[in-house]
Protein backbone atom coordinates (compact mmCIF):
# COMPACT_ATOMS: atom_id res chain seq x y z
CA MET A 1 123.65 224.00 63.84
CA ARG A 2 125.43 221.70 61.43
CA ARG A 3 127.72 220.38 64.17
CA GLY A 4 124.80 219.41 66.37
CA HIS A 5 123.02 217.70 63.52
CA ALA A 6 126.15 215.74 62.57
CA PHE A 7 126.64 214.75 66.21
CA ARG A 8 123.08 213.42 66.42
CA LEU A 9 123.60 211.38 63.23
CA ARG A 10 126.76 209.80 64.63
CA GLN A 11 124.92 208.84 67.86
CA ALA A 12 121.90 207.26 66.08
CA GLY A 13 121.31 203.45 66.78
CA PHE A 14 118.68 200.79 67.54
CA THR A 15 115.84 201.59 69.83
CA LEU A 16 115.04 199.41 72.83
CA VAL A 17 112.07 197.88 71.03
CA GLU A 18 114.23 196.96 68.06
CA LEU A 19 116.80 195.32 70.34
CA LEU A 20 114.10 193.29 72.10
CA VAL A 21 112.63 192.14 68.78
CA ALA A 22 116.08 191.13 67.49
CA MET A 23 116.81 189.19 70.69
CA ILE A 24 113.48 187.34 70.50
CA VAL A 25 114.02 186.42 66.85
CA GLY A 26 117.54 185.23 67.65
CA MET A 27 116.33 183.09 70.56
CA LEU A 28 113.63 181.55 68.38
CA VAL A 29 116.22 180.65 65.76
CA VAL A 30 118.49 179.11 68.40
CA LEU A 31 115.56 177.22 69.97
CA ALA A 32 114.52 175.84 66.57
CA SER A 33 118.08 174.74 65.89
CA ILE A 34 118.36 172.99 69.27
CA THR A 35 114.99 171.26 68.78
CA SER A 36 116.03 170.09 65.32
CA MET A 37 119.37 168.85 66.63
CA LEU A 38 117.74 166.94 69.51
CA GLY A 39 115.21 165.39 67.15
CA THR A 40 117.93 164.31 64.73
CA ARG A 41 120.00 162.91 67.58
CA SER A 42 117.00 160.96 68.92
CA VAL A 43 116.26 159.49 65.48
CA ALA A 44 119.92 158.56 65.05
CA MET A 45 120.03 156.83 68.44
CA VAL A 46 116.87 154.85 67.66
CA GLY A 47 118.40 153.85 64.31
CA ASP A 48 121.57 152.70 66.08
CA ASP A 49 119.48 150.63 68.50
CA VAL A 50 117.52 149.03 65.66
CA ASN A 51 120.73 148.02 63.89
CA ALA A 52 122.27 146.70 67.11
CA LEU A 53 119.19 144.62 67.95
CA HIS A 54 119.01 143.18 64.43
CA GLN A 55 122.68 142.21 64.56
CA SER A 56 122.36 140.70 68.05
CA SER A 57 119.34 138.61 67.08
CA ALA A 58 120.98 137.45 63.85
CA PHE A 59 124.11 136.35 65.70
CA ALA A 60 122.14 134.59 68.45
CA PHE A 61 119.92 132.72 65.99
CA ARG A 62 122.86 131.73 63.84
CA LEU A 63 124.60 130.13 66.83
CA LEU A 64 121.41 128.59 68.22
CA GLY A 65 120.45 127.22 64.82
CA GLN A 66 123.86 125.70 64.28
CA GLN A 67 123.69 123.85 67.59
CA ILE A 68 120.01 122.82 67.42
CA ARG A 69 120.38 121.37 63.93
CA GLN A 70 123.24 119.22 65.25
CA ALA A 71 121.13 117.95 68.17
CA GLY A 72 120.90 114.19 68.43
CA TYR A 73 123.50 113.48 65.78
CA ILE A 74 124.79 109.92 65.77
CA PRO A 75 127.01 108.64 62.95
CA ILE A 76 125.19 106.45 60.47
CA ASP A 77 127.64 103.66 61.11
CA PRO A 78 128.79 103.85 64.76
CA THR A 79 131.32 101.03 64.47
CA GLU A 80 132.69 100.94 60.93
CA PRO A 81 134.97 102.36 59.74
CA LEU A 82 135.61 105.40 61.97
CA PHE A 83 133.99 104.55 65.30
CA TYR A 84 133.08 108.16 66.06
CA PHE A 85 130.45 107.10 68.57
CA ASP A 86 129.75 103.90 70.43
CA ALA A 87 125.99 103.41 70.36
CA ASN A 88 126.18 100.73 73.03
CA ALA A 89 124.29 102.01 76.07
CA ASN A 90 126.82 100.31 78.33
CA ARG A 91 129.54 102.66 77.16
CA ALA A 92 129.77 105.98 79.00
CA THR A 93 129.83 109.31 77.22
CA ASN A 94 133.02 110.24 79.12
CA LEU A 95 131.45 113.62 79.88
CA ALA A 96 131.03 114.50 83.54
CA GLY A 97 127.40 115.14 84.45
CA GLU A 98 126.02 113.66 81.21
CA ARG A 99 126.35 109.89 81.37
CA ALA A 100 123.61 109.20 78.81
CA PHE A 101 123.29 110.40 75.25
CA PHE A 102 120.55 112.98 74.51
CA ALA A 103 119.52 115.48 71.82
CA VAL A 104 117.74 118.32 73.60
CA LYS A 105 116.77 119.24 77.15
CA GLY A 106 114.99 122.30 78.47
CA GLY A 107 114.29 124.18 81.67
CA GLU A 108 111.27 126.42 82.14
CA ALA A 109 111.49 129.82 83.83
CA ALA A 110 110.21 129.69 87.38
CA GLY A 111 107.24 131.82 88.34
CA GLY A 112 105.77 132.58 84.91
CA PRO A 113 107.20 134.45 81.91
CA GLY A 114 110.95 134.78 82.09
CA ASN A 115 114.10 133.21 80.75
CA ASP A 116 114.19 129.52 79.93
CA SER A 117 117.27 127.36 79.47
CA LEU A 118 118.15 125.07 76.59
CA LYS A 119 120.73 122.30 76.38
CA ILE A 120 121.83 120.57 73.20
CA GLY A 121 123.72 117.28 72.86
CA TYR A 122 125.22 115.45 69.90
CA ALA A 123 128.04 113.09 69.02
CA PRO A 124 131.22 114.35 67.38
CA ASN A 125 131.17 114.03 63.62
CA PRO A 126 133.88 114.12 60.95
CA ASN A 127 133.28 117.81 60.21
CA TYR A 128 132.32 119.30 63.54
CA PHE A 129 133.86 118.51 66.90
CA ALA A 130 133.15 121.74 68.80
CA ASP A 131 130.47 123.08 71.13
CA CYS A 132 128.93 126.58 71.04
CA LEU A 133 132.22 128.10 72.23
CA GLY A 134 134.33 126.32 69.65
CA GLN A 135 135.67 123.85 72.20
CA ALA A 136 135.89 120.10 71.91
CA GLY A 137 134.44 118.28 74.88
CA ARG A 138 136.87 117.18 77.56
CA GLY A 139 136.79 113.78 79.15
CA ALA A 140 138.46 112.48 82.26
CA GLY A 141 142.20 112.71 81.77
CA ARG A 142 141.92 114.10 78.24
CA GLN A 143 141.88 117.50 76.58
CA GLY A 144 138.97 116.60 74.32
CA TYR A 145 138.02 114.53 71.33
CA VAL A 146 140.93 113.42 69.18
CA PRO A 147 139.63 112.99 65.60
CA THR A 148 142.77 111.22 64.42
CA THR A 149 142.07 108.34 66.82
CA PRO A 150 138.25 108.14 66.91
CA SER A 151 138.17 104.68 68.46
CA ASP A 152 140.21 105.77 71.46
CA PRO A 153 138.16 104.72 74.52
CA GLY A 154 139.12 107.94 76.28
CA ASN A 155 137.48 110.18 73.70
CA VAL A 156 134.45 112.18 74.74
CA ARG A 157 131.41 110.79 72.92
CA LEU A 158 129.01 113.64 73.66
CA ILE A 159 129.29 117.36 72.94
CA THR A 160 126.93 119.73 74.77
CA SER A 161 125.97 123.40 74.54
CA GLU A 162 123.82 124.96 77.27
CA PHE A 163 122.11 128.35 76.79
CA ASP A 164 120.68 130.54 79.55
CA VAL A 165 120.25 134.21 80.51
CA VAL A 166 121.83 135.92 83.52
CA ARG A 167 121.41 139.64 84.20
CA GLY A 168 120.22 140.38 80.68
CA THR A 169 122.98 138.47 78.89
CA LEU A 170 122.41 135.34 76.83
CA ARG A 171 125.24 132.96 77.66
CA CYS A 172 126.45 129.58 76.51
CA LYS A 173 128.31 126.92 78.45
CA GLY A 174 130.04 124.28 76.38
CA SER A 175 131.06 120.74 77.16
CA GLY A 176 134.58 122.01 77.68
CA GLY A 177 133.52 122.64 81.29
CA ASP A 178 134.58 126.28 81.37
CA THR A 179 132.62 129.26 82.72
CA PRO A 180 129.66 130.25 80.51
CA LYS A 181 130.57 132.93 77.99
CA PRO A 182 128.34 135.88 76.95
CA ILE A 183 126.74 135.83 73.50
CA VAL A 184 124.49 138.91 73.31
CA ASP A 185 123.40 141.59 75.79
CA GLY A 186 120.07 143.34 76.27
CA VAL A 187 118.06 140.11 76.51
CA GLU A 188 114.84 140.59 78.47
CA ARG A 189 113.26 137.28 77.53
CA PHE A 190 114.54 133.96 76.24
CA ASP A 191 111.49 131.82 75.64
CA VAL A 192 111.75 128.28 74.29
CA MET A 193 108.86 126.12 73.08
CA TYR A 194 109.09 122.55 71.85
CA GLY A 195 107.24 121.05 68.92
CA VAL A 196 106.51 117.47 69.95
CA GLY A 197 105.17 114.59 67.90
CA THR A 198 103.22 111.51 68.87
CA PRO A 199 105.04 108.21 69.43
CA THR A 200 103.70 106.99 66.08
CA GLY A 201 103.63 110.32 64.26
CA GLY A 202 107.06 110.35 62.66
CA ASP A 203 108.20 113.90 61.96
CA HIS A 204 104.76 115.43 62.37
CA VAL A 205 104.54 118.15 65.06
CA ALA A 206 101.38 117.65 67.07
CA ARG A 207 101.67 120.73 69.31
CA TYR A 208 104.05 123.23 70.91
CA VAL A 209 104.56 122.98 74.66
CA THR A 210 106.83 124.36 77.36
CA ALA A 211 109.69 122.36 78.85
CA ASN A 212 107.54 121.44 81.84
CA ASP A 213 104.98 119.83 79.53
CA VAL A 214 107.41 117.72 77.52
CA ALA A 215 106.87 114.15 78.66
CA ASN A 216 109.67 112.75 76.50
CA PHE A 217 112.33 115.00 74.96
CA ASP A 218 113.11 112.27 72.43
CA LEU A 219 109.79 113.17 70.78
CA VAL A 220 110.80 116.80 70.19
CA ARG A 221 110.79 117.58 66.46
CA THR A 222 111.29 121.36 66.40
CA VAL A 223 112.46 124.07 68.79
CA ARG A 224 110.89 127.54 68.72
CA VAL A 225 113.03 130.30 70.23
CA CYS A 226 111.75 133.80 71.00
CA LEU A 227 114.12 136.61 71.98
CA GLN A 228 112.97 139.94 73.40
CA LEU A 229 115.80 142.46 73.15
CA ALA A 230 116.02 146.01 74.51
CA GLY A 231 118.15 148.86 73.19
CA SER A 232 120.63 150.80 75.29
CA SER A 233 119.27 154.34 74.76
CA ARG A 234 116.06 155.86 76.08
CA SER A 235 115.08 157.69 72.90
CA ASN A 236 111.87 155.83 72.15
CA PRO A 237 109.22 157.21 74.54
CA HIS A 238 105.75 155.68 74.32
CA GLY A 239 107.05 152.93 72.03
CA ARG A 240 104.97 149.75 71.73
CA TYR A 241 105.89 146.16 70.94
CA THR A 242 104.39 142.65 70.94
CA ASP A 243 105.99 140.26 73.43
CA CYS A 244 106.76 136.55 73.05
CA ASP A 245 103.25 135.65 74.24
CA GLY A 246 101.63 137.81 71.56
CA ALA A 247 100.51 140.52 73.99
CA GLU A 248 100.93 144.18 73.07
CA ARG A 249 103.08 146.12 75.52
CA ALA A 250 104.14 149.72 76.02
CA SER A 251 107.71 150.77 76.72
CA VAL A 252 107.61 152.76 79.95
CA ASP A 253 111.32 153.56 80.16
CA GLY A 254 111.92 154.91 76.65
CA LYS A 255 113.95 151.88 75.51
CA LEU A 256 113.41 150.44 72.06
CA ARG A 257 112.30 146.80 72.17
CA ARG A 258 112.13 144.21 69.46
CA VAL A 259 110.93 140.60 69.57
CA TYR A 260 112.44 137.99 67.27
CA ALA A 261 111.34 134.38 66.82
CA ALA A 262 112.67 131.45 64.84
CA VAL A 263 111.80 127.77 64.52
CA PHE A 264 114.56 125.19 64.09
CA ALA A 265 113.93 121.61 63.02
CA LEU A 266 115.85 118.77 64.64
CA ARG A 267 117.39 116.78 61.83
CA ASN A 268 118.09 113.79 64.07
CA ASN A 269 114.98 112.49 65.79
CA LEU A 270 115.91 110.09 68.55
CA GLY A 271 112.29 109.10 69.15
CA ALA A 272 111.24 108.67 65.54
CA PRO A 273 109.48 105.33 64.96
């Protein structure tokens, strides 16, 4: 009798119901852990995208601002004592494709909203001789501007920086004549508007227009740049944003989008009365 009772005690264990309950509780715990992990990962990826977009926009605007503020620069005294730029219209700029001096030019996206293009021009100055890629302009038979001999007739007298977007990458082509180099990725829109003044309005901006509506780029006083950037992850479902035209949009592919805008004043107004 005692042997049988001891044997039954040694064989005692969980019932089937207890095992099922334990398995369900365990699966719920695992499921909660996975859900929490996925949520944390999604938040982390969105945070990474936000930081990346902020950094990209800051870098792009820093470079754009540097170039736009230089636009139209001509030395105060073009002949004495350093001869950095010959203001005589009969003298060529020594830059292929840009025979005449200019400050800013623009190209409007074809077929509605899209990516515009922007080109900046300015004369070399004692402190800055480089385009957006850090290159000095190259003239025929020369490797660029030689600041030690500014009156050399072979020196390039115009530096240019041209910005455009190809396959989602904002690029810049300098007056060095090389292939355009990438600046930032994830660009869905590069929109440029021009603040123009009246022929007798001095520095006053009368209105903002597209490149197609600028009758005389010498009257441009400010340049407004809008960048729409998209993140690399798809962790932001049903996200919303306001585009460069001020319209509210929904993200249908889960990508985080941010729109950044900045206005840059031209310090050198070629058309100022």
